[in-house]
């Protein structure tokens, strides 16, 4: 399980320029972020990729599970 920082998420203002979005620094604990990134597949093209069709490592799967 990955402990995401939902307090930081709640405290982050929504930006609307140039489109509606947020950036939450350290939402994923920095000590875990490198593990999550390392567990993502190397996708060589653009597009939409449902997570169920990807080969995710353990940390990436935990991140997806936490976000679902």
Foldseek 3Di string as FASTA:
>chain_A
DFQFDVVQVVVWDWDQVVHTDTDRPCRGPPVLVVVLVVQFDDDDDDDDDPPVPGRGDDSVVVVVVVVD
